[in-house]
Amino acid sequence: MGKVCEICGKGPDFGQSISHSHKSTKKKRKPNLHRIKVKTESGEQRLWVCTRCIRSGVVKKAL
């Protein structure tokens, strides 16, 4: 399983770095994911969740 937010589906972003001489190299930007305990209908689960979902209150942390 690749590291993807299990709430919103945010995953890695691919692009290119371009140097001053305009030589391009491949680049991969990874999302800021945390493995936290989340309250769900079926109980508490440990999920990979991005920090944007945590901050916005989409997920409810389990204590």
PDB file of N, CA and C in Angstrom:
ATOM      1  N   MET A   1       0.833  -1.180   0.000  1.00  0.00           N
ATOM      2  CA  MET A   1       0.000   0.000   0.000  1.00  0.00           C
ATOM      3  C   MET A   1       0.877   1.242   0.000  1.00  0.00           C
ATOM      4  N   GLY A   2       0.636   2.151  -0.931  1.00  0.00           N
ATOM      5  CA  GLY A   2       1.355   3.412  -0.929  1.00  0.00           C
ATOM      6  C   GLY A   2       0.791   4.314   0.152  1.00  0.00           C
ATOM      7  N   LYS A   3       1.584   5.285   0.562  1.00  0.00           N
ATOM      8  CA  LYS A   3       1.115   6.168   1.615  1.00  0.00           C
ATOM      9  C   LYS A   3       0.189   7.222   1.020  1.00  0.00           C
ATOM     10  N   VAL A   4      -1.096   7.030   1.288  1.00  0.00           N
ATOM     11  CA  VAL A   4      -2.148   7.904   0.786  1.00  0.00           C
ATOM     12  C   VAL A   4      -3.077   8.195   1.953  1.00  0.00           C
ATOM     13  N   CYS A   5      -3.592   9.413   2.048  1.00  0.00           N
ATOM     14  CA  CYS A   5      -4.549   9.757   3.093  1.00  0.00           C
ATOM     15  C   CYS A   5      -5.803   8.913   2.899  1.00  0.00           C
ATOM     16  N   GLU A   6      -6.207   8.207   3.938  1.00  0.00           N
ATOM     17  CA  GLU A   6      -7.356   7.314   3.827  1.00  0.00           C
ATOM     18  C   GLU A   6      -8.685   8.055   3.938  1.00  0.00           C
ATOM     19  N   ILE A   7      -8.647   9.361   4.204  1.00  0.00           N
ATOM     20  CA  ILE A   7      -9.871  10.163   4.270  1.00  0.00           C
ATOM     21  C   ILE A   7     -10.128  10.876   2.944  1.00  0.00           C
ATOM     22  N   CYS A   8      -9.147  11.670   2.488  1.00  0.00           N
ATOM     23  CA  CYS A   8      -9.363  12.482   1.278  1.00  0.00           C
ATOM     24  C   CYS A   8      -8.679  11.908   0.043  1.00  0.00           C
ATOM     25  N   GLY A   9      -7.775  10.932   0.204  1.00  0.00           N
ATOM     26  CA  GLY A   9      -7.122  10.314  -0.939  1.00  0.00           C
ATOM     27  C   GLY A   9      -5.897  11.056  -1.454  1.00  0.00           C
ATOM     28  N   LYS A  10      -5.398  12.023  -0.674  1.00  0.00           N
ATOM     29  CA  LYS A  10      -4.212  12.774  -1.108  1.00  0.00           C
ATOM     30  C   LYS A  10      -3.002  11.851  -1.142  1.00  0.00           C
ATOM     31  N   GLY A  11      -2.254  11.895  -2.247  1.00  0.00           N
ATOM     32  CA  GLY A  11      -1.091  11.041  -2.416  1.00  0.00           C
ATOM     33  C   GLY A  11       0.104  11.845  -2.890  1.00  0.00           C
ATOM     34  N   PRO A  12       1.162  11.168  -3.319  1.00  0.00           N
ATOM     35  CA  PRO A  12       2.350  11.878  -3.775  1.00  0.00           C
ATOM     36  C   PRO A  12       2.090  12.675  -5.049  1.00  0.00           C
ATOM     37  N   ASP A  13       2.846  13.765  -5.191  1.00  0.00           N
ATOM     38  CA  ASP A  13       2.734  14.641  -6.347  1.00  0.00           C
ATOM     39  C   ASP A  13       4.054  14.573  -7.101  1.00  0.00           C
ATOM     40  N   PHE A  14       4.003  14.438  -8.410  1.00  0.00           N
ATOM     41  CA  PHE A  14       5.201  14.293  -9.220  1.00  0.00           C
ATOM     42  C   PHE A  14       5.412  15.547 -10.057  1.00  0.00           C
ATOM     43  N   GLY A  15       6.667  15.909 -10.228  1.00  0.00           N
ATOM     44  CA  GLY A  15       6.999  17.075 -11.028  1.00  0.00           C
ATOM     45  C   GLY A  15       8.458  17.038 -11.409  1.00  0.00           C
ATOM     46  N   GLN A  16       8.983  18.205 -11.769  1.00  0.00           N
ATOM     47  CA  GLN A  16      10.385  18.300 -12.151  1.00  0.00           C
ATOM     48  C   GLN A  16      11.012  19.534 -11.517  1.00  0.00           C
ATOM     49  N   SER A  17      12.269  19.371 -11.088  1.00  0.00           N
ATOM     50  CA  SER A  17      13.079  20.505 -10.649  1.00  0.00           C
ATOM     51  C   SER A  17      13.845  20.997 -11.871  1.00  0.00           C
ATOM     52  N   ILE A  18      13.851  22.309 -12.076  1.00  0.00           N
ATOM     53  CA  ILE A  18      14.558  22.864 -13.219  1.00  0.00           C
ATOM     54  C   ILE A  18      15.682  23.742 -12.696  1.00  0.00           C
ATOM     55  N   SER A  19      16.918  23.414 -13.078  1.00  0.00           N
ATOM     56  CA  SER A  19      18.093  24.140 -12.610  1.00  0.00           C
ATOM     57  C   SER A  19      18.264  25.440 -13.384  1.00  0.00           C
ATOM     58  N   HIS A  20      19.277  26.192 -12.992  1.00  0.00           N
ATOM     59  CA  HIS A  20      19.568  27.452 -13.668  1.00  0.00           C
ATOM     60  C   HIS A  20      19.910  27.223 -15.143  1.00  0.00           C
ATOM     61  N   SER A  21      20.578  26.098 -15.435  1.00  0.00           N
ATOM     62  CA  SER A  21      20.922  25.790 -16.828  1.00  0.00           C
ATOM     63  C   SER A  21      19.756  25.128 -17.570  1.00  0.00           C
ATOM     64  N   HIS A  22      18.622  25.052 -16.917  1.00  0.00           N
ATOM     65  CA  HIS A  22      17.384  24.498 -17.456  1.00  0.00           C
ATOM     66  C   HIS A  22      17.437  22.984 -17.645  1.00  0.00           C
ATOM     67  N   LYS A  23      18.291  22.316 -16.863  1.00  0.00           N
ATOM     68  CA  LYS A  23      18.324  20.862 -16.855  1.00  0.00           C
ATOM     69  C   LYS A  23      17.273  20.396 -15.859  1.00  0.00           C
ATOM     70  N   SER A  24      16.405  19.470 -16.267  1.00  0.00           N
ATOM     71  CA  SER A  24      15.323  19.049 -15.389  1.00  0.00           C
ATOM     72  C   SER A  24      15.595  17.662 -14.810  1.00  0.00           C
ATOM     73  N   THR A  25      15.256  17.509 -13.539  1.00  0.00           N
ATOM     74  CA  THR A  25      15.358  16.226 -12.854  1.00  0.00           C
ATOM     75  C   THR A  25      14.018  15.920 -12.219  1.00  0.00           C
ATOM     76  N   LYS A  26      13.711  14.640 -12.088  1.00  0.00           N
ATOM     77  CA  LYS A  26      12.420  14.238 -11.553  1.00  0.00           C
ATOM     78  C   LYS A  26      12.356  14.479 -10.049  1.00  0.00           C
ATOM     79  N   LYS A  27      11.175  14.807  -9.573  1.00  0.00           N
ATOM     80  CA  LYS A  27      10.969  15.159  -8.182  1.00  0.00           C
ATOM     81  C   LYS A  27       9.669  14.536  -7.695  1.00  0.00           C
ATOM     82  N   LYS A  28       9.629  14.126  -6.433  1.00  0.00           N
ATOM     83  CA  LYS A  28       8.422  13.546  -5.852  1.00  0.00           C
ATOM     84  C   LYS A  28       8.145  14.244  -4.527  1.00  0.00           C
ATOM     85  N   ARG A  29       6.979  14.870  -4.401  1.00  0.00           N
ATOM     86  CA  ARG A  29       6.586  15.524  -3.155  1.00  0.00           C
ATOM     87  C   ARG A  29       5.588  14.639  -2.444  1.00  0.00           C
ATOM     88  N   LYS A  30       5.904  14.280  -1.197  1.00  0.00           N
ATOM     89  CA  LYS A  30       5.042  13.382  -0.431  1.00  0.00           C
ATOM     90  C   LYS A  30       4.134  14.191   0.497  1.00  0.00           C
ATOM     91  N   PRO A  31       2.904  13.740   0.715  1.00  0.00           N
ATOM     92  CA  PRO A  31       2.004  14.450   1.628  1.00  0.00           C
ATOM     93  C   PRO A  31       2.438  14.253   3.077  1.00  0.00           C
ATOM     94  N   ASN A  32       2.059  15.180   3.937  1.00  0.00           N
ATOM     95  CA  ASN A  32       2.390  15.117   5.355  1.00  0.00           C
ATOM     96  C   ASN A  32       1.343  14.242   6.048  1.00  0.00           C
ATOM     97  N   LEU A  33       1.666  12.951   6.191  1.00  0.00           N
ATOM     98  CA  LEU A  33       0.734  11.986   6.762  1.00  0.00           C
ATOM     99  C   LEU A  33       1.144  11.582   8.162  1.00  0.00           C
ATOM    100  N   HIS A  34       0.138  11.336   9.004  1.00  0.00           N
ATOM    101  CA  HIS A  34       0.347  10.836  10.359  1.00  0.00           C
ATOM    102  C   HIS A  34      -0.544   9.622  10.561  1.00  0.00           C
ATOM    103  N   ARG A  35      -0.027   8.654  11.300  1.00  0.00           N
ATOM    104  CA  ARG A  35      -0.815   7.461  11.618  1.00  0.00           C
ATOM    105  C   ARG A  35      -1.431   7.697  12.990  1.00  0.00           C
ATOM    106  N   ILE A  36      -2.756   7.938  13.016  1.00  0.00           N
ATOM    107  CA  ILE A  36      -3.431   8.285  14.267  1.00  0.00           C
ATOM    108  C   ILE A  36      -4.616   7.354  14.495  1.00  0.00           C
ATOM    109  N   LYS A  37      -5.045   7.301  15.762  1.00  0.00           N
ATOM    110  CA  LYS A  37      -6.252   6.559  16.111  1.00  0.00           C
ATOM    111  C   LYS A  37      -7.452   7.450  15.818  1.00  0.00           C
ATOM    112  N   VAL A  38      -8.405   6.919  15.080  1.00  0.00           N
ATOM    113  CA  VAL A  38      -9.569   7.684  14.643  1.00  0.00           C
ATOM    114  C   VAL A  38     -10.836   6.962  15.087  1.00  0.00           C
ATOM    115  N   LYS A  39     -11.827   7.734  15.541  1.00  0.00           N
ATOM    116  CA  LYS A  39     -13.128   7.153  15.866  1.00  0.00           C
ATOM    117  C   LYS A  39     -13.912   6.945  14.582  1.00  0.00           C
ATOM    118  N   THR A  40     -14.412   5.729  14.376  1.00  0.00           N
ATOM    119  CA  THR A  40     -15.260   5.428  13.225  1.00  0.00           C
ATOM    120  C   THR A  40     -16.528   4.744  13.720  1.00  0.00           C
ATOM    121  N   GLU A  41     -17.442   4.439  12.796  1.00  0.00           N
ATOM    122  CA  GLU A  41     -18.681   3.763  13.184  1.00  0.00           C
ATOM    123  C   GLU A  41     -18.402   2.380  13.743  1.00  0.00           C
ATOM    124  N   SER A  42     -17.364   1.716  13.216  1.00  0.00           N
ATOM    125  CA  SER A  42     -17.052   0.353  13.647  1.00  0.00           C
ATOM    126  C   SER A  42     -16.135   0.318  14.872  1.00  0.00           C
ATOM    127  N   GLY A  43     -15.770   1.476  15.414  1.00  0.00           N
ATOM    128  CA  GLY A  43     -14.886   1.534  16.575  1.00  0.00           C
ATOM    129  C   GLY A  43     -13.669   2.395  16.287  1.00  0.00           C
ATOM    130  N   GLU A  44     -12.599   2.142  17.026  1.00  0.00           N
ATOM    131  CA  GLU A  44     -11.366   2.897  16.824  1.00  0.00           C
ATOM    132  C   GLU A  44     -10.465   2.171  15.842  1.00  0.00           C
ATOM    133  N   GLN A  45      -9.850   2.934  14.933  1.00  0.00           N
ATOM    134  CA  GLN A  45      -8.932   2.369  13.946  1.00  0.00           C
ATOM    135  C   GLN A  45      -7.710   3.259  13.836  1.00  0.00           C
ATOM    136  N   ARG A  46      -6.589   2.661  13.425  1.00  0.00           N
ATOM    137  CA  ARG A  46      -5.391   3.434  13.135  1.00  0.00           C
ATOM    138  C   ARG A  46      -5.353   3.657  11.624  1.00  0.00           C
ATOM    139  N   LEU A  47      -5.359   4.929  11.221  1.00  0.00           N
ATOM    140  CA  LEU A  47      -5.396   5.278   9.801  1.00  0.00           C
ATOM    141  C   LEU A  47      -4.277   6.250   9.477  1.00  0.00           C
ATOM    142  N   TRP A  48      -3.848   6.241   8.203  1.00  0.00           N
ATOM    143  CA  TRP A  48      -2.940   7.264   7.685  1.00  0.00           C
ATOM    144  C   TRP A  48      -3.804   8.456   7.284  1.00  0.00           C
ATOM    145  N   VAL A  49      -3.605   9.595   7.945  1.00  0.00           N
ATOM    146  CA  VAL A  49      -4.430  10.783   7.705  1.00  0.00           C
ATOM    147  C   VAL A  49      -3.502  11.973   7.468  1.00  0.00           C
ATOM    148  N   CYS A  50      -3.822  12.801   6.476  1.00  0.00           N
ATOM    149  CA  CYS A  50      -3.015  13.995   6.211  1.00  0.00           C
ATOM    150  C   CYS A  50      -3.329  15.070   7.252  1.00  0.00           C
ATOM    151  N   THR A  51      -2.387  15.980   7.430  1.00  0.00           N
ATOM    152  CA  THR A  51      -2.539  16.998   8.460  1.00  0.00           C
ATOM    153  C   THR A  51      -3.668  17.976   8.138  1.00  0.00           C
ATOM    154  N   ARG A  52      -3.990  18.144   6.885  1.00  0.00           N
ATOM    155  CA  ARG A  52      -5.094  19.038   6.527  1.00  0.00           C
ATOM    156  C   ARG A  52      -6.430  18.486   7.019  1.00  0.00           C
ATOM    157  N   CYS A  53      -6.618  17.166   6.925  1.00  0.00           N
ATOM    158  CA  CYS A  53      -7.845  16.547   7.430  1.00  0.00           C
ATOM    159  C   CYS A  53      -7.910  16.624   8.954  1.00  0.00           C
ATOM    160  N   ILE A  54      -6.762  16.498   9.621  1.00  0.00           N
ATOM    161  CA  ILE A  54      -6.729  16.594  11.079  1.00  0.00           C
ATOM    162  C   ILE A  54      -7.062  18.008  11.519  1.00  0.00           C
ATOM    163  N   ARG A  55      -6.439  19.009  10.877  1.00  0.00           N
ATOM    164  CA  ARG A  55      -6.657  20.415  11.264  1.00  0.00           C
ATOM    165  C   ARG A  55      -8.075  20.873  11.010  1.00  0.00           C
ATOM    166  N   SER A  56      -8.656  20.454   9.880  1.00  0.00           N
ATOM    167  CA  SER A  56      -9.979  20.937   9.506  1.00  0.00           C
ATOM    168  C   SER A  56     -11.092  20.260  10.282  1.00  0.00           C
ATOM    169  N   GLY A  57     -10.762  19.225  11.058  1.00  0.00           N
ATOM    170  CA  GLY A  57     -11.779  18.556  11.882  1.00  0.00           C
ATOM    171  C   GLY A  57     -12.564  17.513  11.138  1.00  0.00           C
ATOM    172  N   VAL A  58     -12.091  17.042  10.002  1.00  0.00           N
ATOM    173  CA  VAL A  58     -12.791  16.009   9.246  1.00  0.00           C
ATOM    174  C   VAL A  58     -12.787  14.695  10.023  1.00  0.00           C
ATOM    175  N   VAL A  59     -11.679  14.415  10.727  1.00  0.00           N
ATOM    176  CA  VAL A  59     -11.576  13.202  11.523  1.00  0.00           C
ATOM    177  C   VAL A  59     -11.630  13.553  12.999  1.00  0.00           C
ATOM    178  N   LYS A  60     -12.147  12.634  13.790  1.00  0.00           N
ATOM    179  CA  LYS A  60     -12.210  12.820  15.232  1.00  0.00           C
ATOM    180  C   LYS A  60     -11.209  11.880  15.861  1.00  0.00           C
ATOM    181  N   LYS A  61     -10.215  12.423  16.583  1.00  0.00           N
ATOM    182  CA  LYS A  61      -9.202  11.606  17.227  1.00  0.00           C
ATOM    183  C   LYS A  61      -9.798  10.804  18.369  1.00  0.00           C
ATOM    184  N   ALA A  62      -9.335   9.568  18.537  1.00  0.00           N
ATOM    185  CA  ALA A  62      -9.736   8.745  19.664  1.00  0.00           C
ATOM    186  C   ALA A  62      -8.739   8.967  20.792  1.00  0.00           C
ATOM    187  N   LEU A  63      -9.221   8.973  22.002  1.00  0.00           N
ATOM    188  CA  LEU A  63      -8.330   9.196  23.152  1.00  0.00           C
ATOM    189  C   LEU A  63      -7.804   7.902  23.701  1.00  0.00           C
TER     190      LEU A  63
END
